[in-house]
N, C-alpha and C. Protein backbone atom coordinates (compact mmCIF):
# COMPACT_ATOMS: atom_id res chain seq x y z
N MET A 1 0.83 -1.20 0.00
CA MET A 1 0.00 0.00 0.00
C MET A 1 0.87 1.26 0.00
N ASN A 2 1.92 1.29 0.82
CA ASN A 2 2.78 2.45 0.89
C ASN A 2 3.47 2.72 -0.44
N ASP A 3 3.92 1.67 -1.14
CA ASP A 3 4.56 1.85 -2.44
C ASP A 3 3.58 2.44 -3.45
N ARG A 4 2.34 1.96 -3.44
CA ARG A 4 1.34 2.49 -4.36
C ARG A 4 1.05 3.96 -4.04
N LEU A 5 0.99 4.33 -2.77
CA LEU A 5 0.75 5.71 -2.38
C LEU A 5 1.90 6.59 -2.87
N ASN A 6 3.12 6.15 -2.70
CA ASN A 6 4.27 6.95 -3.12
C ASN A 6 4.34 7.11 -4.63
N GLU A 7 3.77 6.18 -5.38
CA GLU A 7 3.78 6.26 -6.83
C GLU A 7 2.93 7.42 -7.35
N TRP A 8 1.87 7.78 -6.66
CA TRP A 8 0.99 8.80 -7.21
C TRP A 8 0.88 10.05 -6.35
N ARG A 9 1.72 10.16 -5.35
CA ARG A 9 1.70 11.39 -4.57
C ARG A 9 2.59 12.44 -5.22
N TYR A 10 2.40 13.68 -4.84
CA TYR A 10 3.20 14.77 -5.37
C TYR A 10 4.62 14.66 -4.82
N GLY A 11 5.60 15.14 -5.60
CA GLY A 11 6.98 15.13 -5.16
C GLY A 11 7.21 16.14 -4.03
N ARG A 12 8.34 15.99 -3.35
CA ARG A 12 8.63 16.85 -2.19
C ARG A 12 8.61 18.34 -2.54
N LEU A 13 9.22 18.71 -3.66
CA LEU A 13 9.23 20.13 -4.03
C LEU A 13 7.81 20.63 -4.25
N ALA A 14 6.98 19.85 -4.92
CA ALA A 14 5.59 20.26 -5.16
C ALA A 14 4.84 20.42 -3.84
N VAL A 15 5.07 19.50 -2.91
CA VAL A 15 4.40 19.58 -1.60
C VAL A 15 4.83 20.84 -0.87
N TRP A 16 6.12 21.10 -0.83
CA TRP A 16 6.63 22.30 -0.13
C TRP A 16 6.12 23.58 -0.80
N LEU A 17 6.15 23.61 -2.12
CA LEU A 17 5.66 24.80 -2.82
C LEU A 17 4.17 25.00 -2.57
N HIS A 18 3.41 23.91 -2.56
CA HIS A 18 1.96 24.00 -2.30
C HIS A 18 1.70 24.65 -0.95
N TRP A 19 2.34 24.13 0.10
CA TRP A 19 2.05 24.62 1.44
C TRP A 19 2.65 25.99 1.71
N LEU A 20 3.81 26.27 1.13
CA LEU A 20 4.40 27.60 1.28
C LEU A 20 3.52 28.64 0.58
N CYS A 21 3.10 28.34 -0.63
CA CYS A 21 2.21 29.25 -1.36
C CYS A 21 0.88 29.40 -0.62
N ALA A 22 0.35 28.31 -0.09
CA ALA A 22 -0.91 28.37 0.65
C ALA A 22 -0.79 29.30 1.85
N ALA A 23 0.30 29.17 2.61
CA ALA A 23 0.50 30.03 3.78
C ALA A 23 0.62 31.50 3.35
N LEU A 24 1.38 31.76 2.29
CA LEU A 24 1.52 33.13 1.81
C LEU A 24 0.19 33.70 1.33
N ILE A 25 -0.57 32.89 0.62
CA ILE A 25 -1.86 33.37 0.11
C ILE A 25 -2.81 33.71 1.25
N VAL A 26 -2.91 32.83 2.23
CA VAL A 26 -3.79 33.10 3.37
C VAL A 26 -3.32 34.36 4.10
N GLY A 27 -2.00 34.47 4.31
CA GLY A 27 -1.47 35.66 4.96
C GLY A 27 -1.73 36.93 4.16
N LEU A 28 -1.53 36.86 2.85
CA LEU A 28 -1.77 38.03 2.00
C LEU A 28 -3.24 38.42 1.96
N LEU A 29 -4.12 37.43 1.94
CA LEU A 29 -5.55 37.74 1.99
C LEU A 29 -5.91 38.43 3.31
N GLY A 30 -5.42 37.88 4.41
CA GLY A 30 -5.71 38.47 5.71
C GLY A 30 -5.15 39.88 5.85
N VAL A 31 -3.89 40.07 5.48
CA VAL A 31 -3.28 41.39 5.56
C VAL A 31 -3.97 42.35 4.58
N GLY A 32 -4.34 41.84 3.42
CA GLY A 32 -5.03 42.68 2.44
C GLY A 32 -6.33 43.24 2.99
N TRP A 33 -7.13 42.38 3.60
CA TRP A 33 -8.39 42.87 4.16
C TRP A 33 -8.15 43.79 5.35
N TYR A 34 -7.15 43.47 6.17
CA TYR A 34 -6.83 44.33 7.31
C TYR A 34 -6.37 45.71 6.85
N MET A 35 -5.46 45.73 5.87
CA MET A 35 -4.91 47.02 5.45
C MET A 35 -5.98 47.89 4.78
N MET A 36 -6.97 47.27 4.17
CA MET A 36 -8.04 48.07 3.58
C MET A 36 -8.90 48.71 4.67
N ALA A 37 -8.97 48.06 5.83
CA ALA A 37 -9.74 48.63 6.94
C ALA A 37 -9.00 49.80 7.59
N ILE A 38 -7.68 49.85 7.44
CA ILE A 38 -6.90 50.91 8.09
C ILE A 38 -6.16 51.80 7.08
N GLU A 39 -6.56 51.76 5.82
CA GLU A 39 -5.78 52.40 4.76
C GLU A 39 -5.55 53.89 4.96
N ASP A 40 -6.40 54.58 5.66
CA ASP A 40 -6.22 56.02 5.85
C ASP A 40 -5.58 56.36 7.18
N GLU A 41 -5.22 55.36 7.97
CA GLU A 41 -4.61 55.61 9.28
C GLU A 41 -3.10 55.76 9.15
N PRO A 42 -2.50 56.53 10.06
CA PRO A 42 -1.04 56.66 10.03
C PRO A 42 -0.36 55.30 10.21
N GLY A 43 0.70 55.07 9.46
CA GLY A 43 1.43 53.82 9.57
C GLY A 43 0.89 52.70 8.70
N SER A 44 -0.23 52.94 8.03
CA SER A 44 -0.82 51.88 7.21
C SER A 44 0.04 51.56 5.99
N GLY A 45 0.85 52.50 5.56
CA GLY A 45 1.72 52.28 4.40
C GLY A 45 2.63 51.08 4.57
N TRP A 46 3.05 50.81 5.80
CA TRP A 46 3.93 49.67 6.07
C TRP A 46 3.24 48.37 5.65
N TYR A 47 1.95 48.24 5.97
CA TYR A 47 1.19 47.03 5.60
C TYR A 47 1.09 46.90 4.08
N PHE A 48 0.86 48.03 3.41
CA PHE A 48 0.79 48.00 1.94
C PHE A 48 2.13 47.58 1.35
N ASP A 49 3.22 48.12 1.90
CA ASP A 49 4.55 47.76 1.39
C ASP A 49 4.84 46.28 1.60
N GLN A 50 4.49 45.76 2.76
CA GLN A 50 4.71 44.33 3.04
C GLN A 50 3.84 43.46 2.14
N HIS A 51 2.60 43.88 1.95
CA HIS A 51 1.68 43.13 1.09
C HIS A 51 2.23 43.05 -0.33
N LYS A 52 2.72 44.17 -0.85
CA LYS A 52 3.30 44.18 -2.21
C LYS A 52 4.54 43.29 -2.27
N SER A 53 5.41 43.41 -1.28
CA SER A 53 6.66 42.63 -1.29
C SER A 53 6.38 41.14 -1.22
N PHE A 54 5.54 40.73 -0.30
CA PHE A 54 5.24 39.30 -0.18
C PHE A 54 4.42 38.81 -1.38
N GLY A 55 3.62 39.69 -1.99
CA GLY A 55 2.92 39.33 -3.21
C GLY A 55 3.90 39.05 -4.34
N LEU A 56 4.97 39.83 -4.42
CA LEU A 56 6.01 39.59 -5.44
C LEU A 56 6.76 38.28 -5.16
N VAL A 57 7.03 38.02 -3.89
CA VAL A 57 7.68 36.74 -3.52
C VAL A 57 6.78 35.58 -3.91
N LEU A 58 5.50 35.71 -3.60
CA LEU A 58 4.55 34.66 -3.97
C LEU A 58 4.52 34.46 -5.48
N PHE A 59 4.53 35.55 -6.24
CA PHE A 59 4.49 35.42 -7.70
C PHE A 59 5.71 34.65 -8.21
N ALA A 60 6.88 34.92 -7.65
CA ALA A 60 8.08 34.19 -8.06
C ALA A 60 7.95 32.70 -7.72
N LEU A 61 7.42 32.39 -6.53
CA LEU A 61 7.21 30.99 -6.16
C LEU A 61 6.18 30.32 -7.07
N LEU A 62 5.17 31.08 -7.47
CA LEU A 62 4.15 30.53 -8.36
C LEU A 62 4.73 30.21 -9.73
N LEU A 63 5.65 31.03 -10.20
CA LEU A 63 6.29 30.73 -11.48
C LEU A 63 7.08 29.42 -11.39
N ILE A 64 7.78 29.24 -10.27
CA ILE A 64 8.51 27.98 -10.05
C ILE A 64 7.51 26.83 -9.98
N ARG A 65 6.44 27.05 -9.24
CA ARG A 65 5.43 26.00 -9.08
C ARG A 65 4.78 25.62 -10.41
N LEU A 66 4.49 26.61 -11.23
CA LEU A 66 3.87 26.33 -12.52
C LEU A 66 4.84 25.56 -13.41
N CYS A 67 6.09 25.97 -13.45
CA CYS A 67 7.10 25.24 -14.24
C CYS A 67 7.20 23.79 -13.78
N TRP A 68 7.21 23.60 -12.48
CA TRP A 68 7.28 22.25 -11.92
C TRP A 68 6.05 21.45 -12.32
N ARG A 69 4.89 22.07 -12.18
CA ARG A 69 3.63 21.37 -12.48
C ARG A 69 3.54 20.99 -13.96
N LEU A 70 4.00 21.87 -14.82
CA LEU A 70 3.93 21.59 -16.26
C LEU A 70 4.90 20.50 -16.69
N THR A 71 5.98 20.32 -15.92
CA THR A 71 6.97 19.30 -16.28
C THR A 71 6.87 18.04 -15.42
N HIS A 72 6.01 18.05 -14.41
CA HIS A 72 5.83 16.90 -13.52
C HIS A 72 4.34 16.69 -13.29
N LYS A 73 3.71 16.13 -14.27
CA LYS A 73 2.26 15.91 -14.18
C LYS A 73 1.96 14.87 -13.10
N PRO A 74 1.04 15.20 -12.18
CA PRO A 74 0.70 14.23 -11.14
C PRO A 74 -0.11 13.07 -11.71
N ALA A 75 -0.01 11.95 -11.05
CA ALA A 75 -0.80 10.78 -11.45
C ALA A 75 -2.28 11.10 -11.23
N PRO A 76 -3.15 10.45 -11.97
CA PRO A 76 -4.58 10.72 -11.80
C PRO A 76 -5.08 10.28 -10.41
N LEU A 77 -6.19 10.83 -10.04
CA LEU A 77 -6.82 10.43 -8.78
C LEU A 77 -7.21 8.96 -8.86
N PRO A 78 -7.34 8.29 -7.71
CA PRO A 78 -7.71 6.87 -7.75
C PRO A 78 -9.09 6.67 -8.36
N ALA A 79 -9.30 5.48 -8.87
CA ALA A 79 -10.57 5.15 -9.53
C ALA A 79 -11.75 5.27 -8.59
N SER A 80 -11.52 5.22 -7.28
CA SER A 80 -12.60 5.32 -6.31
C SER A 80 -13.21 6.73 -6.25
N VAL A 81 -12.53 7.72 -6.81
CA VAL A 81 -13.05 9.09 -6.81
C VAL A 81 -14.01 9.23 -7.99
N PRO A 82 -15.28 9.56 -7.72
CA PRO A 82 -16.26 9.67 -8.81
C PRO A 82 -15.86 10.72 -9.85
N GLY A 83 -16.32 10.51 -11.06
CA GLY A 83 -16.00 11.41 -12.16
C GLY A 83 -16.36 12.86 -11.91
N TRP A 84 -17.53 13.10 -11.31
CA TRP A 84 -17.93 14.48 -11.06
C TRP A 84 -16.99 15.15 -10.08
N GLN A 85 -16.45 14.40 -9.11
CA GLN A 85 -15.49 14.98 -8.17
C GLN A 85 -14.16 15.28 -8.87
N ARG A 86 -13.77 14.42 -9.79
CA ARG A 86 -12.55 14.67 -10.57
C ARG A 86 -12.70 15.96 -11.38
N THR A 87 -13.86 16.13 -11.99
CA THR A 87 -14.12 17.32 -12.81
C THR A 87 -14.07 18.58 -11.96
N ILE A 88 -14.76 18.56 -10.81
CA ILE A 88 -14.78 19.72 -9.92
C ILE A 88 -13.37 19.98 -9.37
N SER A 89 -12.65 18.92 -9.04
CA SER A 89 -11.28 19.07 -8.54
C SER A 89 -10.40 19.76 -9.57
N SER A 90 -10.46 19.29 -10.79
CA SER A 90 -9.63 19.86 -11.86
C SER A 90 -10.02 21.31 -12.13
N LEU A 91 -11.31 21.58 -12.22
CA LEU A 91 -11.78 22.94 -12.46
C LEU A 91 -11.35 23.87 -11.33
N THR A 92 -11.52 23.42 -10.09
CA THR A 92 -11.13 24.24 -8.94
C THR A 92 -9.64 24.53 -8.95
N GLN A 93 -8.83 23.51 -9.24
CA GLN A 93 -7.38 23.71 -9.26
C GLN A 93 -6.98 24.72 -10.32
N TRP A 94 -7.53 24.61 -11.51
CA TRP A 94 -7.15 25.55 -12.57
C TRP A 94 -7.70 26.95 -12.31
N LEU A 95 -8.86 27.06 -11.69
CA LEU A 95 -9.36 28.39 -11.31
C LEU A 95 -8.48 29.00 -10.22
N LEU A 96 -8.02 28.15 -9.28
CA LEU A 96 -7.09 28.65 -8.26
C LEU A 96 -5.80 29.14 -8.91
N TYR A 97 -5.25 28.37 -9.84
CA TYR A 97 -4.05 28.82 -10.56
C TYR A 97 -4.30 30.14 -11.27
N ALA A 98 -5.44 30.27 -11.93
CA ALA A 98 -5.76 31.51 -12.64
C ALA A 98 -5.80 32.69 -11.67
N CYS A 99 -6.46 32.50 -10.53
CA CYS A 99 -6.53 33.57 -9.52
C CYS A 99 -5.15 33.85 -8.93
N MET A 100 -4.39 32.78 -8.66
CA MET A 100 -3.06 32.98 -8.06
C MET A 100 -2.16 33.81 -8.96
N PHE A 101 -2.30 33.66 -10.27
CA PHE A 101 -1.47 34.45 -11.19
C PHE A 101 -2.07 35.82 -11.48
N ALA A 102 -3.38 35.88 -11.63
CA ALA A 102 -4.02 37.15 -11.96
C ALA A 102 -3.91 38.16 -10.81
N MET A 103 -4.07 37.69 -9.59
CA MET A 103 -4.08 38.63 -8.46
C MET A 103 -2.78 39.42 -8.33
N PRO A 104 -1.61 38.79 -8.32
CA PRO A 104 -0.40 39.60 -8.19
C PRO A 104 -0.15 40.50 -9.40
N VAL A 105 -0.50 40.03 -10.59
CA VAL A 105 -0.30 40.86 -11.78
C VAL A 105 -1.19 42.10 -11.72
N ILE A 106 -2.45 41.89 -11.39
CA ILE A 106 -3.39 43.01 -11.32
C ILE A 106 -3.04 43.93 -10.14
N GLY A 107 -2.65 43.34 -9.01
CA GLY A 107 -2.21 44.16 -7.88
C GLY A 107 -0.98 44.98 -8.23
N PHE A 108 -0.04 44.35 -8.93
CA PHE A 108 1.17 45.07 -9.36
C PHE A 108 0.82 46.24 -10.27
N LEU A 109 -0.07 45.98 -11.24
CA LEU A 109 -0.46 47.05 -12.15
C LEU A 109 -1.18 48.19 -11.42
N GLY A 110 -2.01 47.83 -10.44
CA GLY A 110 -2.67 48.87 -9.65
C GLY A 110 -1.66 49.68 -8.86
N ALA A 111 -0.73 48.99 -8.19
CA ALA A 111 0.28 49.69 -7.39
C ALA A 111 1.20 50.53 -8.27
N ALA A 112 1.47 50.04 -9.49
CA ALA A 112 2.34 50.78 -10.40
C ALA A 112 1.70 52.10 -10.85
N HIS A 113 0.39 52.21 -10.71
CA HIS A 113 -0.32 53.44 -11.08
C HIS A 113 -0.51 54.37 -9.89
N THR A 114 0.09 54.06 -8.75
CA THR A 114 -0.01 54.93 -7.58
C THR A 114 1.26 55.78 -7.45
N LYS A 115 1.16 56.84 -6.65
CA LYS A 115 2.33 57.69 -6.40
C LYS A 115 3.41 56.91 -5.66
N ARG A 116 3.01 56.01 -4.80
CA ARG A 116 3.95 55.23 -3.99
C ARG A 116 4.71 54.20 -4.83
N GLY A 117 4.05 53.68 -5.88
CA GLY A 117 4.68 52.71 -6.76
C GLY A 117 4.85 51.34 -6.13
N VAL A 118 5.78 50.56 -6.69
CA VAL A 118 6.02 49.20 -6.23
C VAL A 118 7.46 49.09 -5.76
N ALA A 119 7.63 48.42 -4.63
CA ALA A 119 8.98 48.16 -4.10
C ALA A 119 8.99 46.75 -3.52
N LEU A 120 10.14 46.12 -3.62
CA LEU A 120 10.34 44.80 -3.04
C LEU A 120 11.20 44.98 -1.80
N PHE A 121 10.57 44.95 -0.64
CA PHE A 121 11.25 45.15 0.64
C PHE A 121 12.15 46.38 0.61
N GLY A 122 11.61 47.48 0.08
CA GLY A 122 12.32 48.76 0.07
C GLY A 122 13.04 49.07 -1.23
N ALA A 123 13.31 48.08 -2.07
CA ALA A 123 13.98 48.31 -3.35
C ALA A 123 12.92 48.68 -4.39
N ALA A 124 12.91 49.95 -4.78
CA ALA A 124 11.86 50.45 -5.67
C ALA A 124 12.01 49.92 -7.09
N PHE A 125 10.88 49.56 -7.69
CA PHE A 125 10.84 49.21 -9.11
C PHE A 125 10.80 50.51 -9.91
N PRO A 126 11.25 50.47 -11.14
CA PRO A 126 11.13 51.68 -11.98
C PRO A 126 9.66 52.06 -12.16
N ALA A 127 9.42 53.35 -12.27
CA ALA A 127 8.05 53.84 -12.50
C ALA A 127 7.74 53.68 -13.99
N TRP A 128 6.90 52.72 -14.32
CA TRP A 128 6.55 52.45 -15.72
C TRP A 128 5.30 53.20 -16.16
N PHE A 129 4.55 53.69 -15.18
CA PHE A 129 3.30 54.38 -15.50
C PHE A 129 3.25 55.70 -14.75
N THR A 130 2.54 56.64 -15.33
CA THR A 130 2.27 57.90 -14.65
C THR A 130 1.21 57.62 -13.59
N PRO A 131 1.42 58.10 -12.37
CA PRO A 131 0.39 57.84 -11.34
C PRO A 131 -0.99 58.33 -11.80
N ASP A 132 -1.97 57.47 -11.62
CA ASP A 132 -3.34 57.78 -12.00
C ASP A 132 -4.25 57.07 -11.00
N HIS A 133 -4.80 57.83 -10.09
CA HIS A 133 -5.60 57.27 -9.00
C HIS A 133 -6.78 56.45 -9.52
N ASP A 134 -7.48 56.98 -10.52
CA ASP A 134 -8.67 56.28 -11.05
C ASP A 134 -8.30 54.94 -11.67
N VAL A 135 -7.23 54.91 -12.44
CA VAL A 135 -6.78 53.65 -13.06
C VAL A 135 -6.36 52.67 -11.97
N ALA A 136 -5.60 53.16 -10.98
CA ALA A 136 -5.16 52.30 -9.88
C ALA A 136 -6.37 51.70 -9.17
N GLU A 137 -7.38 52.50 -8.90
CA GLU A 137 -8.58 52.01 -8.21
C GLU A 137 -9.31 50.96 -9.03
N GLN A 138 -9.31 51.08 -10.35
CA GLN A 138 -9.95 50.07 -11.19
C GLN A 138 -9.22 48.73 -11.05
N PHE A 139 -7.89 48.78 -11.08
CA PHE A 139 -7.12 47.55 -10.88
C PHE A 139 -7.37 46.98 -9.49
N PHE A 140 -7.41 47.84 -8.48
CA PHE A 140 -7.61 47.36 -7.11
C PHE A 140 -9.01 46.80 -6.90
N ASP A 141 -10.00 47.33 -7.60
CA ASP A 141 -11.35 46.76 -7.52
C ASP A 141 -11.36 45.32 -8.06
N VAL A 142 -10.68 45.11 -9.18
CA VAL A 142 -10.60 43.75 -9.75
C VAL A 142 -9.81 42.85 -8.80
N HIS A 143 -8.70 43.38 -8.26
CA HIS A 143 -7.87 42.64 -7.31
C HIS A 143 -8.71 42.20 -6.10
N SER A 144 -9.52 43.10 -5.58
CA SER A 144 -10.38 42.79 -4.42
C SER A 144 -11.45 41.76 -4.79
N GLY A 145 -12.04 41.90 -5.97
CA GLY A 145 -13.03 40.92 -6.41
C GLY A 145 -12.43 39.53 -6.55
N LEU A 146 -11.22 39.48 -7.09
CA LEU A 146 -10.54 38.19 -7.20
C LEU A 146 -10.23 37.60 -5.83
N ALA A 147 -9.97 38.46 -4.85
CA ALA A 147 -9.71 37.97 -3.49
C ALA A 147 -10.93 37.23 -2.94
N VAL A 148 -12.10 37.73 -3.23
CA VAL A 148 -13.34 37.07 -2.78
C VAL A 148 -13.50 35.73 -3.50
N ILE A 149 -13.28 35.73 -4.80
CA ILE A 149 -13.39 34.49 -5.57
C ILE A 149 -12.36 33.48 -5.10
N MET A 150 -11.13 33.94 -4.90
CA MET A 150 -10.07 33.04 -4.46
C MET A 150 -10.38 32.46 -3.08
N THR A 151 -10.92 33.27 -2.20
CA THR A 151 -11.28 32.78 -0.87
C THR A 151 -12.32 31.68 -0.98
N ALA A 152 -13.32 31.87 -1.82
CA ALA A 152 -14.34 30.84 -2.00
C ALA A 152 -13.73 29.56 -2.56
N LEU A 153 -12.83 29.69 -3.53
CA LEU A 153 -12.16 28.52 -4.10
C LEU A 153 -11.29 27.81 -3.06
N ILE A 154 -10.62 28.57 -2.23
CA ILE A 154 -9.79 27.99 -1.17
C ILE A 154 -10.65 27.21 -0.19
N VAL A 155 -11.78 27.80 0.20
CA VAL A 155 -12.69 27.11 1.12
C VAL A 155 -13.15 25.80 0.50
N LEU A 156 -13.54 25.82 -0.77
CA LEU A 156 -13.97 24.60 -1.46
C LEU A 156 -12.83 23.57 -1.49
N HIS A 157 -11.63 24.02 -1.81
CA HIS A 157 -10.45 23.15 -1.88
C HIS A 157 -10.14 22.51 -0.52
N VAL A 158 -10.18 23.31 0.53
CA VAL A 158 -9.91 22.81 1.88
C VAL A 158 -10.99 21.83 2.32
N LEU A 159 -12.25 22.17 2.08
CA LEU A 159 -13.34 21.26 2.46
C LEU A 159 -13.23 19.93 1.72
N ALA A 160 -12.86 19.98 0.44
CA ALA A 160 -12.70 18.74 -0.31
C ALA A 160 -11.54 17.91 0.27
N GLY A 161 -10.43 18.57 0.60
CA GLY A 161 -9.31 17.87 1.21
C GLY A 161 -9.70 17.23 2.53
N LEU A 162 -10.44 17.97 3.36
CA LEU A 162 -10.88 17.42 4.64
C LEU A 162 -11.86 16.27 4.45
N LYS A 163 -12.70 16.37 3.44
CA LYS A 163 -13.62 15.26 3.14
C LYS A 163 -12.83 14.00 2.82
N HIS A 164 -11.81 14.13 1.98
CA HIS A 164 -11.00 12.96 1.63
C HIS A 164 -10.24 12.42 2.84
N LEU A 165 -9.79 13.31 3.71
CA LEU A 165 -9.03 12.90 4.88
C LEU A 165 -9.91 12.26 5.95
N LEU A 166 -11.05 12.90 6.26
CA LEU A 166 -11.85 12.50 7.41
C LEU A 166 -13.06 11.62 7.08
N VAL A 167 -13.64 11.80 5.91
CA VAL A 167 -14.85 11.05 5.56
C VAL A 167 -14.51 9.86 4.67
N ASP A 168 -13.91 10.14 3.52
CA ASP A 168 -13.60 9.07 2.57
C ASP A 168 -12.42 8.21 3.02
N LYS A 169 -11.48 8.83 3.71
CA LYS A 169 -10.26 8.14 4.17
C LYS A 169 -9.61 7.36 3.02
N ASP A 170 -9.53 8.02 1.85
CA ASP A 170 -9.04 7.35 0.66
C ASP A 170 -7.60 7.73 0.29
N GLN A 171 -6.89 8.37 1.16
CA GLN A 171 -5.48 8.72 0.97
C GLN A 171 -5.25 9.87 -0.02
N VAL A 172 -6.31 10.45 -0.57
CA VAL A 172 -6.13 11.53 -1.54
C VAL A 172 -5.44 12.73 -0.88
N PHE A 173 -5.81 13.05 0.34
CA PHE A 173 -5.20 14.17 1.04
C PHE A 173 -3.70 13.94 1.23
N ARG A 174 -3.32 12.71 1.49
CA ARG A 174 -1.90 12.40 1.76
C ARG A 174 -1.01 12.64 0.55
N ARG A 175 -1.57 12.70 -0.64
CA ARG A 175 -0.71 12.90 -1.81
C ARG A 175 -0.09 14.30 -1.83
N ILE A 176 -0.65 15.26 -1.06
CA ILE A 176 -0.09 16.61 -1.02
C ILE A 176 0.43 16.94 0.39
N TRP A 177 0.44 15.97 1.28
CA TRP A 177 0.93 16.19 2.63
C TRP A 177 2.39 15.77 2.73
N PHE A 178 3.07 16.27 3.73
CA PHE A 178 4.51 16.02 3.91
C PHE A 178 4.80 14.56 4.19
């Protein structure tokens, strides 16, 4: 049984990237909502700077993760998983990937249209756009909308993982666990 499990589980790098990205995403979502609640208060700029910096780190990790995923296709789910669950699983994963890539790009474009611009832990990026508050707000509105969609997808993903772990007990959860 252990040999069969190891044959179709994700590799160590994929597992580490999954959980590291998951932690960063949850942290970025939480900080993002918090900083929006305090955006006009003194000292709030620090949260925005950290959010942008960690968003850029996440984007770099996502590029590595995507390259890994494209070159290391996981084995299919076991035959015991019904077809409709396979379809929803695949759709959810690809929607998560789409959100994971769209959010930092759109956030970057929004930040690039602000007076403050974009910096990675204090190292400023070149100003590619003239600051335009209205354009920045349009990007940030899309960024915020994607945060809601991504949160819903994450909840669905986590609930499905817990179902496999606690209800089905079919080892599907273990394929992405350490």
